[in-house]
Amino acid sequence: MTTNDFKELLDKFYNAESTAEEESKLKKLFKDNAVPEEFEVDRALFDTLNATVPAVPQDMSKRIERDMDRWNTLEAAVAHKARTVNMRWTVGVAAGLLLLFGIGNYYNQPKMMPQPYAGNLMETYENVDDAAAETERALTKFSIAINKGLRKIDNTKND
């Protein structure tokens, strides 16, 4: 085979235009060492392609499945922990904002002055003197009741 034919086959191979027969011919040529020296780089590639694939251990798929299960479990645990941390941050920020809103609302309310009781009471006296006399009578009655209670306390102390 001439060098030009060899170059054409390699060009087809590298451009993914070669047939299966041409690829096997190239592999065979590189394997038989019937290649010019200018194609040493290509020889290294075909030596790698021609190398025998090491045997896969029998329990390799079981080990891979076991490792994948472990990784999935670990990934799920980390994702759960991340969700918990995110939820704590969210709840903490919400509680802080609620607290700030409450304090701000309390201090920004207009101060209301206490209003005198104006329920269903109506003035019973039109004359000020009558109202003063009634007030004096109520206070006297209250004073008598207090004095009576204080005397009972004094009597129990002396006994």
N, C-alpha and C. Protein backbone atom coordinates (compact mmCIF):
# COMPACT_ATOMS: atom_id res chain seq x y z
N MET A 1 0.86 -1.17 0.00
CA MET A 1 0.00 0.00 0.00
C MET A 1 0.90 1.23 0.00
N THR A 2 0.54 2.20 -0.83
CA THR A 2 1.35 3.40 -0.93
C THR A 2 1.00 4.36 0.19
N THR A 3 1.88 5.33 0.38
CA THR A 3 1.67 6.32 1.43
C THR A 3 0.42 7.14 1.16
N ASN A 4 0.16 7.47 -0.09
CA ASN A 4 -1.04 8.25 -0.43
C ASN A 4 -2.31 7.47 -0.10
N ASP A 5 -2.33 6.18 -0.42
CA ASP A 5 -3.50 5.35 -0.08
C ASP A 5 -3.70 5.31 1.44
N PHE A 6 -2.58 5.19 2.12
CA PHE A 6 -2.62 5.16 3.58
C PHE A 6 -3.18 6.47 4.14
N LYS A 7 -2.73 7.60 3.60
CA LYS A 7 -3.22 8.91 4.04
C LYS A 7 -4.70 9.06 3.75
N GLU A 8 -5.16 8.57 2.60
CA GLU A 8 -6.58 8.66 2.25
C GLU A 8 -7.43 7.86 3.24
N LEU A 9 -6.96 6.67 3.59
CA LEU A 9 -7.69 5.87 4.58
C LEU A 9 -7.76 6.56 5.94
N LEU A 10 -6.64 7.14 6.35
CA LEU A 10 -6.62 7.84 7.65
C LEU A 10 -7.54 9.07 7.62
N ASP A 11 -7.52 9.81 6.49
CA ASP A 11 -8.41 10.98 6.38
C ASP A 11 -9.87 10.56 6.48
N LYS A 12 -10.22 9.49 5.79
CA LYS A 12 -11.60 8.99 5.87
C LYS A 12 -11.93 8.60 7.32
N PHE A 13 -10.97 7.93 7.99
CA PHE A 13 -11.20 7.49 9.37
C PHE A 13 -11.44 8.70 10.29
N TYR A 14 -10.58 9.71 10.19
CA TYR A 14 -10.70 10.88 11.06
C TYR A 14 -11.93 11.73 10.73
N ASN A 15 -12.42 11.67 9.52
CA ASN A 15 -13.63 12.42 9.14
C ASN A 15 -14.90 11.59 9.31
N ALA A 16 -14.77 10.40 9.90
CA ALA A 16 -15.89 9.49 10.15
C ALA A 16 -16.60 9.10 8.87
N GLU A 17 -15.83 8.90 7.81
CA GLU A 17 -16.39 8.52 6.52
C GLU A 17 -15.93 7.12 6.10
N SER A 18 -15.17 6.45 6.94
CA SER A 18 -14.63 5.14 6.58
C SER A 18 -15.66 4.05 6.85
N THR A 19 -15.53 2.98 6.12
CA THR A 19 -16.41 1.84 6.32
C THR A 19 -15.78 0.91 7.35
N ALA A 20 -16.53 -0.10 7.74
CA ALA A 20 -16.03 -1.05 8.73
C ALA A 20 -14.84 -1.83 8.15
N GLU A 21 -14.89 -2.12 6.86
CA GLU A 21 -13.79 -2.85 6.23
C GLU A 21 -12.51 -2.01 6.24
N GLU A 22 -12.64 -0.72 5.94
CA GLU A 22 -11.47 0.15 5.89
C GLU A 22 -10.88 0.32 7.29
N GLU A 23 -11.73 0.41 8.30
CA GLU A 23 -11.24 0.54 9.67
C GLU A 23 -10.51 -0.72 10.11
N SER A 24 -11.07 -1.86 9.77
CA SER A 24 -10.38 -3.10 10.15
C SER A 24 -9.06 -3.24 9.39
N LYS A 25 -9.00 -2.75 8.13
CA LYS A 25 -7.76 -2.77 7.35
C LYS A 25 -6.70 -1.89 8.02
N LEU A 26 -7.13 -0.68 8.50
CA LEU A 26 -6.20 0.21 9.20
C LEU A 26 -5.69 -0.44 10.49
N LYS A 27 -6.58 -1.03 11.24
CA LYS A 27 -6.17 -1.68 12.50
C LYS A 27 -5.16 -2.79 12.22
N LYS A 28 -5.44 -3.54 11.16
CA LYS A 28 -4.54 -4.63 10.81
C LYS A 28 -3.17 -4.11 10.38
N LEU A 29 -3.15 -3.02 9.59
CA LEU A 29 -1.88 -2.45 9.13
C LEU A 29 -1.05 -1.94 10.31
N PHE A 30 -1.72 -1.25 11.24
CA PHE A 30 -0.98 -0.74 12.40
C PHE A 30 -0.53 -1.88 13.31
N LYS A 31 -1.32 -2.95 13.35
CA LYS A 31 -0.97 -4.09 14.20
C LYS A 31 0.24 -4.83 13.62
N ASP A 32 0.32 -4.91 12.30
CA ASP A 32 1.41 -5.62 11.64
C ASP A 32 2.68 -4.78 11.52
N ASN A 33 2.62 -3.53 11.96
CA ASN A 33 3.76 -2.61 11.91
C ASN A 33 4.22 -2.32 10.49
N ALA A 34 3.36 -2.43 9.51
CA ALA A 34 3.71 -2.12 8.12
C ALA A 34 3.32 -0.68 7.82
N VAL A 35 3.79 0.25 8.66
CA VAL A 35 3.40 1.65 8.56
C VAL A 35 4.65 2.52 8.47
N PRO A 36 4.65 3.52 7.60
CA PRO A 36 5.79 4.44 7.55
C PRO A 36 5.95 5.19 8.87
N GLU A 37 7.15 5.68 9.12
CA GLU A 37 7.46 6.33 10.39
C GLU A 37 6.73 7.65 10.61
N GLU A 38 6.31 8.30 9.56
CA GLU A 38 5.62 9.59 9.72
C GLU A 38 4.25 9.42 10.38
N PHE A 39 3.80 8.19 10.49
CA PHE A 39 2.48 7.93 11.09
C PHE A 39 2.59 7.34 12.50
N GLU A 40 3.64 7.66 13.22
CA GLU A 40 3.85 7.12 14.58
C GLU A 40 2.77 7.60 15.55
N VAL A 41 2.33 8.85 15.40
CA VAL A 41 1.28 9.36 16.30
C VAL A 41 0.00 8.56 16.08
N ASP A 42 -0.30 8.28 14.81
CA ASP A 42 -1.49 7.49 14.50
C ASP A 42 -1.34 6.06 15.01
N ARG A 43 -0.10 5.56 14.98
CA ARG A 43 0.15 4.21 15.49
C ARG A 43 -0.23 4.14 16.98
N ALA A 44 0.13 5.17 17.75
CA ALA A 44 -0.21 5.18 19.19
C ALA A 44 -1.72 5.13 19.38
N LEU A 45 -2.46 5.86 18.55
CA LEU A 45 -3.92 5.83 18.65
C LEU A 45 -4.46 4.44 18.34
N PHE A 46 -3.99 3.83 17.27
CA PHE A 46 -4.50 2.51 16.91
C PHE A 46 -4.02 1.43 17.85
N ASP A 47 -2.85 1.61 18.45
CA ASP A 47 -2.42 0.66 19.48
C ASP A 47 -3.39 0.69 20.66
N THR A 48 -3.83 1.89 20.99
CA THR A 48 -4.81 2.01 22.08
C THR A 48 -6.13 1.37 21.67
N LEU A 49 -6.55 1.60 20.43
CA LEU A 49 -7.81 1.01 19.96
C LEU A 49 -7.71 -0.52 19.86
N ASN A 50 -6.54 -1.03 19.52
CA ASN A 50 -6.36 -2.47 19.38
C ASN A 50 -6.11 -3.17 20.71
N ALA A 51 -5.83 -2.40 21.75
CA ALA A 51 -5.52 -3.00 23.05
C ALA A 51 -6.73 -3.79 23.54
N THR A 52 -6.44 -4.85 24.20
CA THR A 52 -7.51 -5.68 24.73
C THR A 52 -8.11 -4.98 25.95
N VAL A 53 -9.39 -5.07 26.05
CA VAL A 53 -10.11 -4.46 27.17
C VAL A 53 -10.01 -5.40 28.35
N PRO A 54 -9.61 -4.87 29.50
CA PRO A 54 -9.51 -5.75 30.66
C PRO A 54 -10.89 -6.30 31.04
N ALA A 55 -10.87 -7.46 31.62
CA ALA A 55 -12.12 -8.11 32.02
C ALA A 55 -12.77 -7.35 33.17
N VAL A 56 -14.07 -7.26 33.11
CA VAL A 56 -14.82 -6.59 34.16
C VAL A 56 -15.07 -7.59 35.28
N PRO A 57 -14.80 -7.22 36.52
CA PRO A 57 -15.05 -8.15 37.63
C PRO A 57 -16.53 -8.54 37.67
N GLN A 58 -16.80 -9.73 38.16
CA GLN A 58 -18.16 -10.25 38.15
C GLN A 58 -19.11 -9.44 39.03
N ASP A 59 -18.65 -8.99 40.16
CA ASP A 59 -19.55 -8.27 41.07
C ASP A 59 -19.50 -6.76 40.87
N MET A 60 -18.96 -6.29 39.74
CA MET A 60 -18.83 -4.86 39.50
C MET A 60 -20.19 -4.16 39.48
N SER A 61 -21.17 -4.74 38.83
CA SER A 61 -22.48 -4.07 38.76
C SER A 61 -23.11 -3.98 40.14
N LYS A 62 -22.93 -5.01 40.97
CA LYS A 62 -23.48 -4.95 42.33
C LYS A 62 -22.82 -3.85 43.14
N ARG A 63 -21.50 -3.73 42.99
CA ARG A 63 -20.78 -2.68 43.72
C ARG A 63 -21.21 -1.29 43.25
N ILE A 64 -21.39 -1.14 41.95
CA ILE A 64 -21.82 0.16 41.42
C ILE A 64 -23.22 0.49 41.93
N GLU A 65 -24.13 -0.48 41.91
CA GLU A 65 -25.49 -0.24 42.41
C GLU A 65 -25.46 0.12 43.90
N ARG A 66 -24.63 -0.58 44.68
CA ARG A 66 -24.53 -0.29 46.11
C ARG A 66 -24.02 1.14 46.34
N ASP A 67 -22.99 1.52 45.58
CA ASP A 67 -22.45 2.88 45.71
C ASP A 67 -23.49 3.92 45.30
N MET A 68 -24.22 3.65 44.23
CA MET A 68 -25.25 4.60 43.79
C MET A 68 -26.35 4.75 44.85
N ASP A 69 -26.74 3.64 45.48
CA ASP A 69 -27.74 3.71 46.54
C ASP A 69 -27.23 4.55 47.71
N ARG A 70 -25.97 4.35 48.08
CA ARG A 70 -25.38 5.15 49.16
C ARG A 70 -25.36 6.63 48.82
N TRP A 71 -24.98 6.94 47.58
CA TRP A 71 -24.93 8.34 47.14
C TRP A 71 -26.32 8.95 47.14
N ASN A 72 -27.32 8.19 46.71
CA ASN A 72 -28.69 8.70 46.71
C ASN A 72 -29.18 8.96 48.12
N THR A 73 -28.86 8.06 49.04
CA THR A 73 -29.25 8.24 50.44
C THR A 73 -28.58 9.48 51.02
N LEU A 74 -27.29 9.62 50.75
CA LEU A 74 -26.57 10.78 51.25
C LEU A 74 -27.12 12.06 50.65
N GLU A 75 -27.41 12.04 49.38
CA GLU A 75 -27.94 13.23 48.71
C GLU A 75 -29.31 13.61 49.28
N ALA A 76 -30.15 12.61 49.56
CA ALA A 76 -31.47 12.88 50.14
C ALA A 76 -31.33 13.48 51.54
N ALA A 77 -30.39 12.96 52.33
CA ALA A 77 -30.19 13.48 53.69
C ALA A 77 -29.71 14.93 53.64
N VAL A 78 -28.80 15.22 52.76
CA VAL A 78 -28.27 16.59 52.64
C VAL A 78 -29.37 17.53 52.16
N ALA A 79 -30.19 17.08 51.21
CA ALA A 79 -31.29 17.92 50.70
C ALA A 79 -32.29 18.19 51.81
N HIS A 80 -32.61 17.18 52.65
CA HIS A 80 -33.54 17.37 53.76
C HIS A 80 -32.99 18.37 54.77
N LYS A 81 -31.70 18.24 55.07
CA LYS A 81 -31.07 19.16 56.02
C LYS A 81 -31.08 20.58 55.47
N ALA A 82 -30.81 20.72 54.17
CA ALA A 82 -30.82 22.05 53.55
C ALA A 82 -32.22 22.65 53.61
N ARG A 83 -33.26 21.83 53.37
CA ARG A 83 -34.64 22.34 53.45
C ARG A 83 -34.96 22.77 54.87
N THR A 84 -34.50 22.01 55.87
CA THR A 84 -34.77 22.36 57.26
C THR A 84 -34.09 23.68 57.61
N VAL A 85 -32.85 23.86 57.19
CA VAL A 85 -32.13 25.09 57.47
C VAL A 85 -32.82 26.26 56.78
N ASN A 86 -33.22 26.07 55.51
CA ASN A 86 -33.92 27.14 54.79
C ASN A 86 -35.23 27.49 55.48
N MET A 87 -35.95 26.49 55.98
CA MET A 87 -37.22 26.75 56.66
C MET A 87 -36.98 27.53 57.95
N ARG A 88 -35.93 27.19 58.68
CA ARG A 88 -35.62 27.92 59.91
C ARG A 88 -35.31 29.38 59.61
N TRP A 89 -34.53 29.62 58.56
CA TRP A 89 -34.23 31.00 58.18
C TRP A 89 -35.51 31.74 57.81
N THR A 90 -36.37 31.10 57.04
CA THR A 90 -37.61 31.74 56.61
C THR A 90 -38.49 32.08 57.81
N VAL A 91 -38.66 31.15 58.72
CA VAL A 91 -39.48 31.38 59.90
C VAL A 91 -38.85 32.47 60.78
N GLY A 92 -37.54 32.46 60.92
CA GLY A 92 -36.87 33.48 61.73
C GLY A 92 -37.04 34.87 61.15
N VAL A 93 -36.88 34.99 59.84
CA VAL A 93 -37.04 36.29 59.20
C VAL A 93 -38.49 36.77 59.32
N ALA A 94 -39.45 35.85 59.12
CA ALA A 94 -40.86 36.22 59.23
C ALA A 94 -41.19 36.69 60.66
N ALA A 95 -40.67 35.98 61.66
CA ALA A 95 -40.93 36.37 63.05
C ALA A 95 -40.32 37.74 63.35
N GLY A 96 -39.11 37.97 62.86
CA GLY A 96 -38.46 39.27 63.07
C GLY A 96 -39.24 40.41 62.43
N LEU A 97 -39.70 40.18 61.20
CA LEU A 97 -40.49 41.22 60.51
C LEU A 97 -41.80 41.48 61.24
N LEU A 98 -42.44 40.40 61.72
CA LEU A 98 -43.69 40.57 62.46
C LEU A 98 -43.46 41.36 63.75
N LEU A 99 -42.37 41.08 64.43
CA LEU A 99 -42.04 41.80 65.65
C LEU A 99 -41.79 43.28 65.36
N LEU A 100 -40.99 43.56 64.33
CA LEU A 100 -40.72 44.94 63.96
C LEU A 100 -42.00 45.67 63.55
N PHE A 101 -42.86 44.99 62.80
CA PHE A 101 -44.11 45.60 62.38
C PHE A 101 -44.99 45.92 63.59
N GLY A 102 -45.05 45.00 64.55
CA GLY A 102 -45.85 45.22 65.75
C GLY A 102 -45.33 46.39 66.58
N ILE A 103 -44.02 46.46 66.78
CA ILE A 103 -43.44 47.56 67.55
C ILE A 103 -43.67 48.89 66.85
N GLY A 104 -43.44 48.90 65.54
CA GLY A 104 -43.66 50.14 64.78
C GLY A 104 -45.11 50.57 64.81
N ASN A 105 -46.01 49.62 64.72
CA ASN A 105 -47.44 49.94 64.77
C ASN A 105 -47.83 50.49 66.14
N TYR A 106 -47.25 49.93 67.19
CA TYR A 106 -47.57 50.39 68.54
C TYR A 106 -47.11 51.84 68.75
N TYR A 107 -45.89 52.14 68.33
CA TYR A 107 -45.35 53.48 68.55
C TYR A 107 -45.90 54.52 67.58
N ASN A 108 -46.44 54.10 66.47
CA ASN A 108 -46.97 55.07 65.50
C ASN A 108 -48.46 55.30 65.64
N GLN A 109 -49.10 54.67 66.62
CA GLN A 109 -50.53 54.92 66.84
C GLN A 109 -50.70 56.28 67.49
N PRO A 110 -51.74 57.00 67.10
CA PRO A 110 -51.98 58.29 67.75
C PRO A 110 -52.35 58.06 69.22
N LYS A 111 -51.82 58.90 70.07
CA LYS A 111 -52.09 58.77 71.50
C LYS A 111 -53.48 59.32 71.78
N MET A 112 -54.29 58.46 72.34
CA MET A 112 -55.67 58.87 72.64
C MET A 112 -55.76 59.22 74.12
N MET A 113 -56.36 60.33 74.38
CA MET A 113 -56.56 60.75 75.77
C MET A 113 -57.76 60.00 76.33
N PRO A 114 -57.70 59.59 77.58
CA PRO A 114 -58.84 58.89 78.15
C PRO A 114 -60.05 59.83 78.22
N GLN A 115 -61.15 59.32 77.79
CA GLN A 115 -62.39 60.10 77.81
C GLN A 115 -63.15 59.76 79.08
N PRO A 116 -63.80 60.75 79.64
CA PRO A 116 -64.63 60.44 80.81
C PRO A 116 -65.76 59.51 80.39
N TYR A 117 -66.19 58.72 81.35
CA TYR A 117 -67.24 57.75 81.05
C TYR A 117 -68.49 58.48 80.65
N ALA A 118 -68.94 58.15 79.46
CA ALA A 118 -70.15 58.83 78.97
C ALA A 118 -71.14 57.78 78.53
N GLY A 119 -71.24 56.73 79.29
CA GLY A 119 -72.13 55.63 78.93
C GLY A 119 -73.59 56.07 78.96
N ASN A 120 -74.41 55.30 79.60
CA ASN A 120 -75.85 55.59 79.65
C ASN A 120 -76.23 56.44 80.85
N LEU A 121 -75.24 57.02 81.51
CA LEU A 121 -75.56 57.86 82.67
C LEU A 121 -76.12 59.20 82.20
N MET A 122 -77.10 59.61 82.91
CA MET A 122 -77.66 60.93 82.62
C MET A 122 -77.54 61.74 83.90
N GLU A 123 -77.43 62.99 83.74
CA GLU A 123 -77.36 63.84 84.93
C GLU A 123 -78.69 63.75 85.67
N THR A 124 -78.58 63.50 86.96
CA THR A 124 -79.81 63.37 87.75
C THR A 124 -80.19 64.66 88.46
N TYR A 125 -79.23 65.55 88.58
CA TYR A 125 -79.51 66.81 89.28
C TYR A 125 -79.26 67.97 88.34
N GLU A 126 -80.21 68.85 88.32
CA GLU A 126 -80.02 70.05 87.50
C GLU A 126 -79.43 71.17 88.35
N ASN A 127 -79.59 71.06 89.63
CA ASN A 127 -79.10 72.08 90.56
C ASN A 127 -77.80 71.59 91.16
N VAL A 128 -76.78 72.44 91.17
CA VAL A 128 -75.46 72.08 91.68
C VAL A 128 -75.52 71.84 93.19
N ASP A 129 -76.29 72.58 93.89
CA ASP A 129 -76.37 72.41 95.34
C ASP A 129 -76.96 71.06 95.71
N ASP A 130 -77.96 70.61 94.95
CA ASP A 130 -78.54 69.29 95.21
C ASP A 130 -77.51 68.19 94.96
N ALA A 131 -76.71 68.34 93.92
CA ALA A 131 -75.69 67.34 93.60
C ALA A 131 -74.63 67.30 94.69
N ALA A 132 -74.24 68.47 95.22
CA ALA A 132 -73.24 68.52 96.29
C ALA A 132 -73.78 67.86 97.55
N ALA A 133 -75.04 68.10 97.87
CA ALA A 133 -75.64 67.51 99.07
C ALA A 133 -75.69 65.99 98.93
N GLU A 134 -76.04 65.49 97.75
CA GLU A 134 -76.10 64.04 97.54
C GLU A 134 -74.71 63.41 97.63
N THR A 135 -73.72 64.10 97.12
CA THR A 135 -72.34 63.61 97.19
C THR A 135 -71.89 63.54 98.64
N GLU A 136 -72.23 64.58 99.41
CA GLU A 136 -71.85 64.60 100.83
C GLU A 136 -72.52 63.45 101.57
N ARG A 137 -73.79 63.17 101.28
CA ARG A 137 -74.51 62.07 101.93
C ARG A 137 -73.84 60.73 101.60
N ALA A 138 -73.42 60.52 100.32
CA ALA A 138 -72.80 59.26 99.92
C ALA A 138 -71.45 59.09 100.60
N LEU A 139 -70.68 60.17 100.71
CA LEU A 139 -69.37 60.09 101.36
C LEU A 139 -69.51 59.84 102.86
N THR A 140 -70.53 60.41 103.47
CA THR A 140 -70.76 60.18 104.90
C THR A 140 -71.10 58.71 105.14
N LYS A 141 -71.96 58.16 104.31
CA LYS A 141 -72.34 56.75 104.43
C LYS A 141 -71.10 55.86 104.27
N PHE A 142 -70.23 56.20 103.32
CA PHE A 142 -69.00 55.45 103.09
C PHE A 142 -68.08 55.56 104.31
N SER A 143 -67.98 56.74 104.91
CA SER A 143 -67.12 56.97 106.08
C SER A 143 -67.61 56.16 107.27
N ILE A 144 -68.92 56.10 107.45
CA ILE A 144 -69.47 55.34 108.58
C ILE A 144 -69.14 53.86 108.41
N ALA A 145 -69.26 53.34 107.18
CA ALA A 145 -68.98 51.92 106.94
C ALA A 145 -67.49 51.62 107.18
N ILE A 146 -66.61 52.51 106.77
CA ILE A 146 -65.17 52.31 106.98
C ILE A 146 -64.86 52.33 108.47
N ASN A 147 -65.39 53.28 109.19
CA ASN A 147 -65.12 53.39 110.64
C ASN A 147 -65.62 52.16 111.37
N LYS A 148 -66.78 51.63 110.97
CA LYS A 148 -67.32 50.44 111.60
C LYS A 148 -66.37 49.26 111.38
N GLY A 149 -65.82 49.13 110.18
CA GLY A 149 -64.88 48.05 109.89
C GLY A 149 -63.59 48.20 110.66
N LEU A 150 -63.09 49.43 110.82
CA LEU A 150 -61.86 49.67 111.56
C LEU A 150 -62.04 49.37 113.05
N ARG A 151 -63.23 49.68 113.58
CA ARG A 151 -63.48 49.38 115.01
C ARG A 151 -63.47 47.88 115.24
N LYS A 152 -64.03 47.11 114.32
CA LYS A 152 -64.03 45.65 114.49
C LYS A 152 -62.60 45.13 114.46
N ILE A 153 -61.75 45.69 113.61
CA ILE A 153 -60.36 45.25 113.55
C ILE A 153 -59.65 45.58 114.85
N ASP A 154 -59.91 46.78 115.40
CA ASP A 154 -59.28 47.17 116.67
C ASP A 154 -59.73 46.26 117.80
N ASN A 155 -61.01 45.89 117.81
CA ASN A 155 -61.53 45.02 118.88
C ASN A 155 -60.90 43.64 118.80
N THR A 156 -60.66 43.12 117.64
CA THR A 156 -60.05 41.79 117.53
C THR A 156 -58.60 41.82 117.93
N LYS A 157 -57.95 42.97 117.77
CA LYS A 157 -56.53 43.08 118.17
C LYS A 157 -56.42 43.12 119.68
N ASN A 158 -57.37 43.77 120.32
CA ASN A 158 -57.31 43.91 121.78
C ASN A 158 -57.69 42.64 122.49
N ASP A 159 -58.43 41.77 121.89
CA ASP A 159 -58.87 40.55 122.54
C ASP A 159 -57.84 39.52 122.61
